Amino acid sequence: QVRLVESGGGLVQPGGSLRLSCAASGFPFNNYAMNWYRQAPGKGRELVATITTFGRSTNYADSVKGRFTISRDNAKNTVYLQMNSLKPEDTAVYYCNVVFYLTNYWGQGTQVTVSS
């Protein structure tokens, strides 16, 4: 079955960096776009970044453009989210996502807290 496992979250000071990873299994990873979402306390889930199958195209939420970079390693079935210049408003649980056969699959999420 489809499995997505996020890692790399933590506590970081404003202006700092983190790199999130999502290890995927149970579907042909190379053939599917991958997404990162986040959900802050009391708010809905927000699409942060998307990457196409071979990484030729990426898209970002306006709030993270120029600070976050999504990438993928198809040999490792892994998608990454490099987050730089972090702000307190980036605090959220970050989720990896794939739509496979019209079904949304999610990982368990990884907490990112930006605070001094």
PDB file of N, CA and C in Angstrom:
ATOM      1  N   GLN A   1       0.840  -1.187   0.000  1.00  0.00           N
ATOM      2  CA  GLN A   1       0.000   0.000   0.000  1.00  0.00           C
ATOM      3  C   GLN A   1       0.880   1.244   0.000  1.00  0.00           C
ATOM      4  N   VAL A   2       0.249   2.371  -0.322  1.00  0.00           N
ATOM      5  CA  VAL A   2       0.982   3.635  -0.364  1.00  0.00           C
ATOM      6  C   VAL A   2       1.414   4.016   1.043  1.00  0.00           C
ATOM      7  N   ARG A   3       2.679   4.388   1.152  1.00  0.00           N
ATOM      8  CA  ARG A   3       3.196   4.837   2.436  1.00  0.00           C
ATOM      9  C   ARG A   3       4.097   6.039   2.198  1.00  0.00           C
ATOM     10  N   LEU A   4       3.871   7.081   3.024  1.00  0.00           N
ATOM     11  CA  LEU A   4       4.673   8.295   2.979  1.00  0.00           C
ATOM     12  C   LEU A   4       5.165   8.571   4.393  1.00  0.00           C
ATOM     13  N   VAL A   5       6.474   8.729   4.547  1.00  0.00           N
ATOM     14  CA  VAL A   5       7.059   8.936   5.867  1.00  0.00           C
ATOM     15  C   VAL A   5       7.919  10.193   5.846  1.00  0.00           C
ATOM     16  N   GLU A   6       7.443  11.224   6.570  1.00  0.00           N
ATOM     17  CA  GLU A   6       8.175  12.490   6.653  1.00  0.00           C
ATOM     18  C   GLU A   6       9.182  12.462   7.789  1.00  0.00           C
ATOM     19  N   SER A   7      10.241  13.254   7.632  1.00  0.00           N
ATOM     20  CA  SER A   7      11.233  13.436   8.695  1.00  0.00           C
ATOM     21  C   SER A   7      11.912  14.777   8.490  1.00  0.00           C
ATOM     22  N   GLY A   8      12.640  15.208   9.527  1.00  0.00           N
ATOM     23  CA  GLY A   8      13.449  16.411   9.400  1.00  0.00           C
ATOM     24  C   GLY A   8      12.912  17.641  10.094  1.00  0.00           C
ATOM     25  N   GLY A   9      11.720  17.543  10.685  1.00  0.00           N
ATOM     26  CA  GLY A   9      11.188  18.695  11.390  1.00  0.00           C
ATOM     27  C   GLY A   9      11.937  18.962  12.689  1.00  0.00           C
ATOM     28  N   GLY A  10      11.571  20.079  13.331  1.00  0.00           N
ATOM     29  CA  GLY A  10      12.198  20.413  14.599  1.00  0.00           C
ATOM     30  C   GLY A  10      11.965  21.849  14.969  1.00  0.00           C
ATOM     31  N   LEU A  11      12.716  22.279  15.971  1.00  0.00           N
ATOM     32  CA  LEU A  11      12.659  23.657  16.458  1.00  0.00           C
ATOM     33  C   LEU A  11      13.841  24.423  15.866  1.00  0.00           C
ATOM     34  N   VAL A  12      13.543  25.582  15.283  1.00  0.00           N
ATOM     35  CA  VAL A  12      14.591  26.399  14.672  1.00  0.00           C
ATOM     36  C   VAL A  12      14.302  27.862  14.954  1.00  0.00           C
ATOM     37  N   GLN A  13      15.347  28.649  15.058  1.00  0.00           N
ATOM     38  CA  GLN A  13      15.177  30.085  15.283  1.00  0.00           C
ATOM     39  C   GLN A  13      14.781  30.795  13.991  1.00  0.00           C
ATOM     40  N   PRO A  14      14.120  31.925  14.119  1.00  0.00           N
ATOM     41  CA  PRO A  14      13.802  32.715  12.907  1.00  0.00           C
ATOM     42  C   PRO A  14      15.072  32.999  12.102  1.00  0.00           C
ATOM     43  N   GLY A  15      14.943  32.855  10.779  1.00  0.00           N
ATOM     44  CA  GLY A  15      16.090  33.014   9.892  1.00  0.00           C
ATOM     45  C   GLY A  15      16.849  31.741   9.628  1.00  0.00           C
ATOM     46  N   GLY A  16      16.527  30.688  10.359  1.00  0.00           N
ATOM     47  CA  GLY A  16      17.224  29.426  10.205  1.00  0.00           C
ATOM     48  C   GLY A  16      16.696  28.596   9.054  1.00  0.00           C
ATOM     49  N   SER A  17      17.251  27.390   8.940  1.00  0.00           N
ATOM     50  CA  SER A  17      16.914  26.486   7.838  1.00  0.00           C
ATOM     51  C   SER A  17      16.632  25.095   8.357  1.00  0.00           C
ATOM     52  N   LEU A  18      15.794  24.373   7.609  1.00  0.00           N
ATOM     53  CA  LEU A  18      15.541  22.962   7.837  1.00  0.00           C
ATOM     54  C   LEU A  18      15.340  22.303   6.484  1.00  0.00           C
ATOM     55  N   ARG A  19      15.648  21.000   6.424  1.00  0.00           N
ATOM     56  CA  ARG A  19      15.329  20.230   5.232  1.00  0.00           C
ATOM     57  C   ARG A  19      14.442  19.056   5.626  1.00  0.00           C
ATOM     58  N   LEU A  20      13.265  19.030   5.066  1.00  0.00           N
ATOM     59  CA  LEU A  20      12.332  17.930   5.288  1.00  0.00           C
ATOM     60  C   LEU A  20      12.518  16.873   4.201  1.00  0.00           C
ATOM     61  N   SER A  21      12.314  15.626   4.599  1.00  0.00           N
ATOM     62  CA  SER A  21      12.365  14.510   3.655  1.00  0.00           C
ATOM     63  C   SER A  21      11.071  13.717   3.744  1.00  0.00           C
ATOM     64  N   CYS A  22      10.707  13.104   2.624  1.00  0.00           N
ATOM     65  CA  CYS A  22       9.531  12.232   2.592  1.00  0.00           C
ATOM     66  C   CYS A  22       9.898  10.987   1.791  1.00  0.00           C
ATOM     67  N   ALA A  23       9.967   9.860   2.465  1.00  0.00           N
ATOM     68  CA  ALA A  23      10.258   8.589   1.813  1.00  0.00           C
ATOM     69  C   ALA A  23       8.946   7.936   1.392  1.00  0.00           C
ATOM     70  N   ALA A  24       8.847   7.598   0.111  1.00  0.00           N
ATOM     71  CA  ALA A  24       7.595   7.079  -0.454  1.00  0.00           C
ATOM     72  C   ALA A  24       7.755   5.619  -0.872  1.00  0.00           C
ATOM     73  N   SER A  25       6.676   4.874  -0.759  1.00  0.00           N
ATOM     74  CA  SER A  25       6.671   3.490  -1.211  1.00  0.00           C
ATOM     75  C   SER A  25       5.246   3.075  -1.545  1.00  0.00           C
ATOM     76  N   GLY A  26       5.122   1.967  -2.292  1.00  0.00           N
ATOM     77  CA  GLY A  26       3.806   1.413  -2.582  1.00  0.00           C
ATOM     78  C   GLY A  26       3.148   1.924  -3.844  1.00  0.00           C
ATOM     79  N   PHE A  27       3.839   2.736  -4.607  1.00  0.00           N
ATOM     80  CA  PHE A  27       3.328   3.214  -5.890  1.00  0.00           C
ATOM     81  C   PHE A  27       4.537   3.585  -6.759  1.00  0.00           C
ATOM     82  N   PRO A  28       4.323   3.708  -8.074  1.00  0.00           N
ATOM     83  CA  PRO A  28       5.451   4.045  -8.968  1.00  0.00           C
ATOM     84  C   PRO A  28       5.837   5.518  -8.834  1.00  0.00           C
ATOM     85  N   PHE A  29       6.724   5.768  -7.925  1.00  0.00           N
ATOM     86  CA  PHE A  29       7.086   7.132  -7.526  1.00  0.00           C
ATOM     87  C   PHE A  29       7.442   8.010  -8.719  1.00  0.00           C
ATOM     88  N   ASN A  30       8.202   7.463  -9.669  1.00  0.00           N
ATOM     89  CA  ASN A  30       8.673   8.248 -10.812  1.00  0.00           C
ATOM     90  C   ASN A  30       7.527   8.845 -11.623  1.00  0.00           C
ATOM     91  N   ASN A  31       6.356   8.240 -11.555  1.00  0.00           N
ATOM     92  CA  ASN A  31       5.251   8.621 -12.428  1.00  0.00           C
ATOM     93  C   ASN A  31       4.286   9.635 -11.832  1.00  0.00           C
ATOM     94  N   TYR A  32       4.566  10.098 -10.619  1.00  0.00           N
ATOM     95  CA  TYR A  32       3.597  10.949  -9.943  1.00  0.00           C
ATOM     96  C   TYR A  32       4.214  12.220  -9.403  1.00  0.00           C
ATOM     97  N   ALA A  33       3.470  13.331  -9.592  1.00  0.00           N
ATOM     98  CA  ALA A  33       3.837  14.572  -8.941  1.00  0.00           C
ATOM     99  C   ALA A  33       3.701  14.403  -7.427  1.00  0.00           C
ATOM    100  N   MET A  34       4.501  15.145  -6.719  1.00  0.00           N
ATOM    101  CA  MET A  34       4.490  15.090  -5.257  1.00  0.00           C
ATOM    102  C   MET A  34       4.262  16.493  -4.693  1.00  0.00           C
ATOM    103  N   ASN A  35       3.631  16.522  -3.530  1.00  0.00           N
ATOM    104  CA  ASN A  35       3.265  17.797  -2.909  1.00  0.00           C
ATOM    105  C   ASN A  35       3.703  17.843  -1.450  1.00  0.00           C
ATOM    106  N   TRP A  36       3.973  19.055  -0.996  1.00  0.00           N
ATOM    107  CA  TRP A  36       4.110  19.334   0.436  1.00  0.00           C
ATOM    108  C   TRP A  36       2.980  20.280   0.835  1.00  0.00           C
ATOM    109  N   TYR A  37       2.309  19.928   1.923  1.00  0.00           N
ATOM    110  CA  TYR A  37       1.292  20.768   2.532  1.00  0.00           C
ATOM    111  C   TYR A  37       1.741  21.100   3.955  1.00  0.00           C
ATOM    112  N   ARG A  38       1.069  22.083   4.544  1.00  0.00           N
ATOM    113  CA  ARG A  38       1.280  22.361   5.965  1.00  0.00           C
ATOM    114  C   ARG A  38      -0.034  22.778   6.604  1.00  0.00           C
ATOM    115  N   GLN A  39      -0.102  22.564   7.913  1.00  0.00           N
ATOM    116  CA  GLN A  39      -1.278  22.952   8.666  1.00  0.00           C
ATOM    117  C   GLN A  39      -0.837  23.567   9.976  1.00  0.00           C
ATOM    118  N   ALA A  40      -1.131  24.854  10.118  1.00  0.00           N
ATOM    119  CA  ALA A  40      -0.821  25.572  11.347  1.00  0.00           C
ATOM    120  C   ALA A  40      -1.970  25.389  12.340  1.00  0.00           C
ATOM    121  N   PRO A  41      -1.706  25.583  13.635  1.00  0.00           N
ATOM    122  CA  PRO A  41      -2.764  25.411  14.632  1.00  0.00           C
ATOM    123  C   PRO A  41      -3.971  26.287  14.333  1.00  0.00           C
ATOM    124  N   GLY A  42      -5.147  25.689  14.317  1.00  0.00           N
ATOM    125  CA  GLY A  42      -6.376  26.433  14.100  1.00  0.00           C
ATOM    126  C   GLY A  42      -6.644  26.842  12.658  1.00  0.00           C
ATOM    127  N   LYS A  43      -5.812  26.356  11.736  1.00  0.00           N
ATOM    128  CA  LYS A  43      -5.981  26.737  10.332  1.00  0.00           C
ATOM    129  C   LYS A  43      -6.144  25.494   9.462  1.00  0.00           C
ATOM    130  N   GLY A  44      -6.591  25.716   8.233  1.00  0.00           N
ATOM    131  CA  GLY A  44      -6.747  24.622   7.292  1.00  0.00           C
ATOM    132  C   GLY A  44      -5.416  24.205   6.690  1.00  0.00           C
ATOM    133  N   ARG A  45      -5.453  23.083   5.985  1.00  0.00           N
ATOM    134  CA  ARG A  45      -4.238  22.588   5.344  1.00  0.00           C
ATOM    135  C   ARG A  45      -3.957  23.416   4.094  1.00  0.00           C
ATOM    136  N   GLU A  46      -2.696  23.832   3.935  1.00  0.00           N
ATOM    137  CA  GLU A  46      -2.282  24.732   2.856  1.00  0.00           C
ATOM    138  C   GLU A  46      -1.261  24.038   1.961  1.00  0.00           C
ATOM    139  N   LEU A  47      -1.465  24.128   0.645  1.00  0.00           N
ATOM    140  CA  LEU A  47      -0.486  23.594  -0.297  1.00  0.00           C
ATOM    141  C   LEU A  47       0.731  24.515  -0.321  1.00  0.00           C
ATOM    142  N   VAL A  48       1.901  23.947  -0.054  1.00  0.00           N
ATOM    143  CA  VAL A  48       3.132  24.724   0.025  1.00  0.00           C
ATOM    144  C   VAL A  48       3.929  24.637  -1.277  1.00  0.00           C
ATOM    145  N   ALA A  49       4.099  23.423  -1.802  1.00  0.00           N
ATOM    146  CA  ALA A  49       4.944  23.250  -2.980  1.00  0.00           C
ATOM    147  C   ALA A  49       4.576  21.962  -3.698  1.00  0.00           C
ATOM    148  N   THR A  50       4.790  21.979  -5.013  1.00  0.00           N
ATOM    149  CA  THR A  50       4.519  20.833  -5.873  1.00  0.00           C
ATOM    150  C   THR A  50       5.688  20.646  -6.819  1.00  0.00           C
ATOM    151  N   ILE A  51       5.991  19.368  -7.115  1.00  0.00           N
ATOM    152  CA  ILE A  51       7.032  19.058  -8.076  1.00  0.00           C
ATOM    153  C   ILE A  51       6.514  17.985  -9.022  1.00  0.00           C
ATOM    154  N   THR A  52       6.776  18.163 -10.323  1.00  0.00           N
ATOM    155  CA  THR A  52       6.315  17.196 -11.307  1.00  0.00           C
ATOM    156  C   THR A  52       7.212  15.962 -11.309  1.00  0.00           C
ATOM    157  N   THR A  53       6.892  15.006 -12.169  1.00  0.00           N
ATOM    158  CA  THR A  53       7.463  13.662 -12.071  1.00  0.00           C
ATOM    159  C   THR A  53       8.992  13.636 -12.115  1.00  0.00           C
ATOM    160  N   PHE A  54       9.585  14.394 -13.023  1.00  0.00           N
ATOM    161  CA  PHE A  54      11.046  14.382 -13.124  1.00  0.00           C
ATOM    162  C   PHE A  54      11.655  15.705 -12.651  1.00  0.00           C
ATOM    163  N   GLY A  55      10.846  16.457 -11.928  1.00  0.00           N
ATOM    164  CA  GLY A  55      11.360  17.687 -11.333  1.00  0.00           C
ATOM    165  C   GLY A  55      11.527  18.833 -12.305  1.00  0.00           C
ATOM    166  N   ARG A  56      10.949  18.707 -13.486  1.00  0.00           N
ATOM    167  CA  ARG A  56      11.142  19.782 -14.466  1.00  0.00           C
ATOM    168  C   ARG A  56      10.325  21.012 -14.120  1.00  0.00           C
ATOM    169  N   SER A  57       9.274  20.839 -13.340  1.00  0.00           N
ATOM    170  CA  SER A  57       8.422  21.967 -12.994  1.00  0.00           C
ATOM    171  C   SER A  57       8.104  21.937 -11.506  1.00  0.00           C
ATOM    172  N   THR A  58       8.164  23.103 -10.900  1.00  0.00           N
ATOM    173  CA  THR A  58       7.813  23.246  -9.486  1.00  0.00           C
ATOM    174  C   THR A  58       6.896  24.456  -9.326  1.00  0.00           C
ATOM    175  N   ASN A  59       6.084  24.405  -8.293  1.00  0.00           N
ATOM    176  CA  ASN A  59       5.208  25.531  -7.964  1.00  0.00           C
ATOM    177  C   ASN A  59       5.199  25.726  -6.456  1.00  0.00           C
ATOM    178  N   TYR A  60       5.032  26.992  -6.059  1.00  0.00           N
ATOM    179  CA  TYR A  60       5.102  27.325  -4.638  1.00  0.00           C
ATOM    180  C   TYR A  60       3.968  28.267  -4.256  1.00  0.00           C
ATOM    181  N   ALA A  61       3.557  28.159  -3.004  1.00  0.00           N
ATOM    182  CA  ALA A  61       2.666  29.162  -2.442  1.00  0.00           C
ATOM    183  C   ALA A  61       3.400  30.498  -2.395  1.00  0.00           C
ATOM    184  N   ASP A  62       2.656  31.572  -2.575  1.00  0.00           N
ATOM    185  CA  ASP A  62       3.279  32.906  -2.563  1.00  0.00           C
ATOM    186  C   ASP A  62       4.030  33.153  -1.257  1.00  0.00           C
ATOM    187  N   SER A  63       3.533  32.605  -0.178  1.00  0.00           N
ATOM    188  CA  SER A  63       4.115  32.866   1.140  1.00  0.00           C
ATOM    189  C   SER A  63       5.505  32.255   1.311  1.00  0.00           C
ATOM    190  N   VAL A  64       5.888  31.296   0.447  1.00  0.00           N
ATOM    191  CA  VAL A  64       7.185  30.639   0.616  1.00  0.00           C
ATOM    192  C   VAL A  64       8.107  30.826  -0.591  1.00  0.00           C
ATOM    193  N   LYS A  65       7.624  31.472  -1.619  1.00  0.00           N
ATOM    194  CA  LYS A  65       8.445  31.663  -2.832  1.00  0.00           C
ATOM    195  C   LYS A  65       9.739  32.383  -2.505  1.00  0.00           C
ATOM    196  N   GLY A  66      10.833  31.856  -3.052  1.00  0.00           N
ATOM    197  CA  GLY A  66      12.136  32.461  -2.817  1.00  0.00           C
ATOM    198  C   GLY A  66      12.804  31.985  -1.543  1.00  0.00           C
ATOM    199  N   ARG A  67      12.071  31.256  -0.689  1.00  0.00           N
ATOM    200  CA  ARG A  67      12.639  30.756   0.563  1.00  0.00           C
ATOM    201  C   ARG A  67      12.667  29.228   0.621  1.00  0.00           C
ATOM    202  N   PHE A  68      11.683  28.588   0.024  1.00  0.00           N
ATOM    203  CA  PHE A  68      11.581  27.125   0.054  1.00  0.00           C
ATOM    204  C   PHE A  68      11.900  26.565  -1.329  1.00  0.00           C
ATOM    205  N   THR A  69      12.491  25.362  -1.340  1.00  0.00           N
ATOM    206  CA  THR A  69      12.783  24.662  -2.586  1.00  0.00           C
ATOM    207  C   THR A  69      12.368  23.201  -2.462  1.00  0.00           C
ATOM    208  N   ILE A  70      11.533  22.761  -3.371  1.00  0.00           N
ATOM    209  CA  ILE A  70      11.130  21.352  -3.417  1.00  0.00           C
ATOM    210  C   ILE A  70      11.999  20.639  -4.447  1.00  0.00           C
ATOM    211  N   SER A  71      12.398  19.417  -4.120  1.00  0.00           N
ATOM    212  CA  SER A  71      13.192  18.615  -5.047  1.00  0.00           C
ATOM    213  C   SER A  71      12.857  17.139  -4.828  1.00  0.00           C
ATOM    214  N   ARG A  72      13.325  16.295  -5.736  1.00  0.00           N
ATOM    215  CA  ARG A  72      13.067  14.873  -5.593  1.00  0.00           C
ATOM    216  C   ARG A  72      14.244  14.068  -6.117  1.00  0.00           C
ATOM    217  N   ASP A  73      14.406  12.884  -5.536  1.00  0.00           N
ATOM    218  CA  ASP A  73      15.410  11.920  -5.980  1.00  0.00           C
ATOM    219  C   ASP A  73      14.647  10.645  -6.337  1.00  0.00           C
ATOM    220  N   ASN A  74      14.414  10.438  -7.627  1.00  0.00           N
ATOM    221  CA  ASN A  74      13.605   9.293  -8.042  1.00  0.00           C
ATOM    222  C   ASN A  74      14.310   7.965  -7.772  1.00  0.00           C
ATOM    223  N   ALA A  75      15.637   7.973  -7.702  1.00  0.00           N
ATOM    224  CA  ALA A  75      16.367   6.742  -7.384  1.00  0.00           C
ATOM    225  C   ALA A  75      16.135   6.311  -5.934  1.00  0.00           C
ATOM    226  N   LYS A  76      15.821   7.282  -5.080  1.00  0.00           N
ATOM    227  CA  LYS A  76      15.606   6.991  -3.660  1.00  0.00           C
ATOM    228  C   LYS A  76      14.137   7.060  -3.267  1.00  0.00           C
ATOM    229  N   ASN A  77      13.253   7.324  -4.237  1.00  0.00           N
ATOM    230  CA  ASN A  77      11.819   7.471  -3.929  1.00  0.00           C
ATOM    231  C   ASN A  77      11.589   8.474  -2.799  1.00  0.00           C
ATOM    232  N   THR A  78      12.270   9.593  -2.884  1.00  0.00           N
ATOM    233  CA  THR A  78      12.227  10.584  -1.816  1.00  0.00           C
ATOM    234  C   THR A  78      12.013  11.980  -2.385  1.00  0.00           C
ATOM    235  N   VAL A  79      11.183  12.743  -1.701  1.00  0.00           N
ATOM    236  CA  VAL A  79      10.980  14.152  -2.040  1.00  0.00           C
ATOM    237  C   VAL A  79      11.436  14.993  -0.844  1.00  0.00           C
ATOM    238  N   TYR A  80      11.986  16.153  -1.138  1.00  0.00           N
ATOM    239  CA  TYR A  80      12.566  17.017  -0.112  1.00  0.00           C
ATOM    240  C   TYR A  80      11.913  18.391  -0.141  1.00  0.00           C
ATOM    241  N   LEU A  81      12.015  19.075   0.989  1.00  0.00           N
ATOM    242  CA  LEU A  81      11.617  20.475   1.066  1.00  0.00           C
ATOM    243  C   LEU A  81      12.694  21.211   1.847  1.00  0.00           C
ATOM    244  N   GLN A  82      13.500  21.985   1.120  1.00  0.00           N
ATOM    245  CA  GLN A  82      14.525  22.816   1.758  1.00  0.00           C
ATOM    246  C   GLN A  82      13.875  24.137   2.149  1.00  0.00           C
ATOM    247  N   MET A  83      13.934  24.465   3.423  1.00  0.00           N
ATOM    248  CA  MET A  83      13.282  25.667   3.934  1.00  0.00           C
ATOM    249  C   MET A  83      14.341  26.595   4.514  1.00  0.00           C
ATOM    250  N   ASN A  84      14.494  27.768   3.911  1.00  0.00           N
ATOM    251  CA  ASN A  84      15.459  28.757   4.358  1.00  0.00           C
ATOM    252  C   ASN A  84      14.736  30.010   4.840  1.00  0.00           C
ATOM    253  N   SER A  85      15.453  30.850   5.545  1.00  0.00           N
ATOM    254  CA  SER A  85      14.902  32.115   6.046  1.00  0.00           C
ATOM    255  C   SER A  85      13.555  31.892   6.728  1.00  0.00           C
ATOM    256  N   LEU A  86      13.513  30.919   7.603  1.00  0.00           N
ATOM    257  CA  LEU A  86      12.250  30.550   8.249  1.00  0.00           C
ATOM    258  C   LEU A  86      11.721  31.667   9.125  1.00  0.00           C
ATOM    259  N   LYS A  87      10.394  31.765   9.147  1.00  0.00           N
ATOM    260  CA  LYS A  87       9.692  32.785   9.911  1.00  0.00           C
ATOM    261  C   LYS A  87       8.769  32.111  10.927  1.00  0.00           C
ATOM    262  N   PRO A  88       8.403  32.798  11.983  1.00  0.00           N
ATOM    263  CA  PRO A  88       7.468  32.210  12.952  1.00  0.00           C
ATOM    264  C   PRO A  88       6.169  31.734  12.294  1.00  0.00           C
ATOM    265  N   GLU A  89       5.733  32.428  11.267  1.00  0.00           N
ATOM    266  CA  GLU A  89       4.486  32.036  10.594  1.00  0.00           C
ATOM    267  C   GLU A  89       4.625  30.760   9.758  1.00  0.00           C
ATOM    268  N   ASP A  90       5.833  30.235   9.640  1.00  0.00           N
ATOM    269  CA  ASP A  90       6.030  28.941   8.986  1.00  0.00           C
ATOM    270  C   ASP A  90       5.780  27.770   9.945  1.00  0.00           C
ATOM    271  N   THR A  91       5.560  28.078  11.212  1.00  0.00           N
ATOM    272  CA  THR A  91       5.291  27.034  12.200  1.00  0.00           C
ATOM    273  C   THR A  91       4.029  26.261  11.825  1.00  0.00           C
ATOM    274  N   ALA A  92       4.170  24.949  11.705  1.00  0.00           N
ATOM    275  CA  ALA A  92       3.059  24.107  11.263  1.00  0.00           C
ATOM    276  C   ALA A  92       3.511  22.652  11.276  1.00  0.00           C
ATOM    277  N   VAL A  93       2.541  21.775  11.091  1.00  0.00           N
ATOM    278  CA  VAL A  93       2.853  20.381  10.771  1.00  0.00           C
ATOM    279  C   VAL A  93       2.922  20.287   9.249  1.00  0.00           C
ATOM    280  N   TYR A  94       4.000  19.725   8.753  1.00  0.00           N
ATOM    281  CA  TYR A  94       4.222  19.618   7.315  1.00  0.00           C
ATOM    282  C   TYR A  94       3.953  18.176   6.869  1.00  0.00           C
ATOM    283  N   TYR A  95       3.177  18.061   5.799  1.00  0.00           N
ATOM    284  CA  TYR A  95       2.751  16.764   5.288  1.00  0.00           C
ATOM    285  C   TYR A  95       3.191  16.560   3.845  1.00  0.00           C
ATOM    286  N   CYS A  96       3.619  15.355   3.556  1.00  0.00           N
ATOM    287  CA  CYS A  96       3.883  14.925   2.195  1.00  0.00           C
ATOM    288  C   CYS A  96       2.577  14.365   1.629  1.00  0.00           C
ATOM    289  N   ASN A  97       2.373  14.539   0.316  1.00  0.00           N
ATOM    290  CA  ASN A  97       1.099  14.125  -0.289  1.00  0.00           C
ATOM    291  C   ASN A  97       1.312  13.633  -1.714  1.00  0.00           C
ATOM    292  N   VAL A  98       0.540  12.619  -2.073  1.00  0.00           N
ATOM    293  CA  VAL A  98       0.463  12.177  -3.463  1.00  0.00           C
ATOM    294  C   VAL A  98      -0.988  11.834  -3.764  1.00  0.00           C
ATOM    295  N   VAL A  99      -1.401  12.129  -4.983  1.00  0.00           N
ATOM    296  CA  VAL A  99      -2.715  11.702  -5.448  1.00  0.00           C
ATOM    297  C   VAL A  99      -2.496  10.511  -6.361  1.00  0.00           C
ATOM    298  N   PHE A 100      -2.902   9.350  -5.909  1.00  0.00           N
ATOM    299  CA  PHE A 100      -2.669   8.104  -6.614  1.00  0.00           C
ATOM    300  C   PHE A 100      -4.008   7.455  -6.869  1.00  0.00           C
ATOM    301  N   TYR A 101      -4.319   7.219  -8.151  1.00  0.00           N
ATOM    302  CA  TYR A 101      -5.625   6.685  -8.518  1.00  0.00           C
ATOM    303  C   TYR A 101      -6.755   7.489  -7.862  1.00  0.00           C
ATOM    304  N   LEU A 102      -6.639   8.807  -7.999  1.00  0.00           N
ATOM    305  CA  LEU A 102      -7.660   9.764  -7.563  1.00  0.00           C
ATOM    306  C   LEU A 102      -7.850   9.797  -6.041  1.00  0.00           C
ATOM    307  N   THR A 103      -6.994   9.169  -5.302  1.00  0.00           N
ATOM    308  CA  THR A 103      -7.064   9.149  -3.846  1.00  0.00           C
ATOM    309  C   THR A 103      -5.891   9.921  -3.264  1.00  0.00           C
ATOM    310  N   ASN A 104      -6.193  10.786  -2.293  1.00  0.00           N
ATOM    311  CA  ASN A 104      -5.143  11.516  -1.588  1.00  0.00           C
ATOM    312  C   ASN A 104      -4.521  10.640  -0.520  1.00  0.00           C
ATOM    313  N   TYR A 105      -3.198  10.566  -0.545  1.00  0.00           N
ATOM    314  CA  TYR A 105      -2.466   9.860   0.499  1.00  0.00           C
ATOM    315  C   TYR A 105      -1.570  10.861   1.234  1.00  0.00           C
ATOM    316  N   TRP A 106      -1.489  10.674   2.544  1.00  0.00           N
ATOM    317  CA  TRP A 106      -0.742  11.590   3.412  1.00  0.00           C
ATOM    318  C   TRP A 106       0.206  10.812   4.306  1.00  0.00           C
ATOM    319  N   GLY A 107       1.315  11.471   4.643  1.00  0.00           N
ATOM    320  CA  GLY A 107       2.152  10.936   5.688  1.00  0.00           C
ATOM    321  C   GLY A 107       1.611  11.339   7.043  1.00  0.00           C
ATOM    322  N   GLN A 108       2.377  10.989   8.077  1.00  0.00           N
ATOM    323  CA  GLN A 108       1.939  11.292   9.452  1.00  0.00           C
ATOM    324  C   GLN A 108       2.237  12.741   9.838  1.00  0.00           C
ATOM    325  N   GLY A 109       3.064  13.402   9.039  1.00  0.00           N
ATOM    326  CA  GLY A 109       3.407  14.788   9.302  1.00  0.00           C
ATOM    327  C   GLY A 109       4.653  14.922  10.158  1.00  0.00           C
ATOM    328  N   THR A 110       5.314  16.078  10.014  1.00  0.00           N
ATOM    329  CA  THR A 110       6.469  16.403  10.846  1.00  0.00           C
ATOM    330  C   THR A 110       6.332  17.846  11.314  1.00  0.00           C
ATOM    331  N   GLN A 111       6.538  18.064  12.597  1.00  0.00           N
ATOM    332  CA  GLN A 111       6.326  19.385  13.204  1.00  0.00           C
ATOM    333  C   GLN A 111       7.529  20.287  12.939  1.00  0.00           C
ATOM    334  N   VAL A 112       7.236  21.475  12.452  1.00  0.00           N
ATOM    335  CA  VAL A 112       8.248  22.523  12.309  1.00  0.00           C
ATOM    336  C   VAL A 112       7.820  23.687  13.192  1.00  0.00           C
ATOM    337  N   THR A 113       8.694  24.086  14.102  1.00  0.00           N
ATOM    338  CA  THR A 113       8.427  25.203  14.996  1.00  0.00           C
ATOM    339  C   THR A 113       9.537  26.225  14.833  1.00  0.00           C
ATOM    340  N   VAL A 114       9.134  27.449  14.487  1.00  0.00           N
ATOM    341  CA  VAL A 114      10.094  28.540  14.308  1.00  0.00           C
ATOM    342  C   VAL A 114       9.875  29.533  15.440  1.00  0.00           C
ATOM    343  N   SER A 115      10.841  29.602  16.335  1.00  0.00           N
ATOM    344  CA  SER A 115      10.687  30.429  17.522  1.00  0.00           C
ATOM    345  C   SER A 115      12.054  30.749  18.103  1.00  0.00           C
ATOM    346  N   SER A 116      12.133  31.938  18.702  1.00  0.00           N
ATOM    347  CA  SER A 116      13.366  32.306  19.388  1.00  0.00           C
ATOM    348  C   SER A 116      13.285  31.944  20.865  1.00  0.00           C
TER     349      SER A 116
END
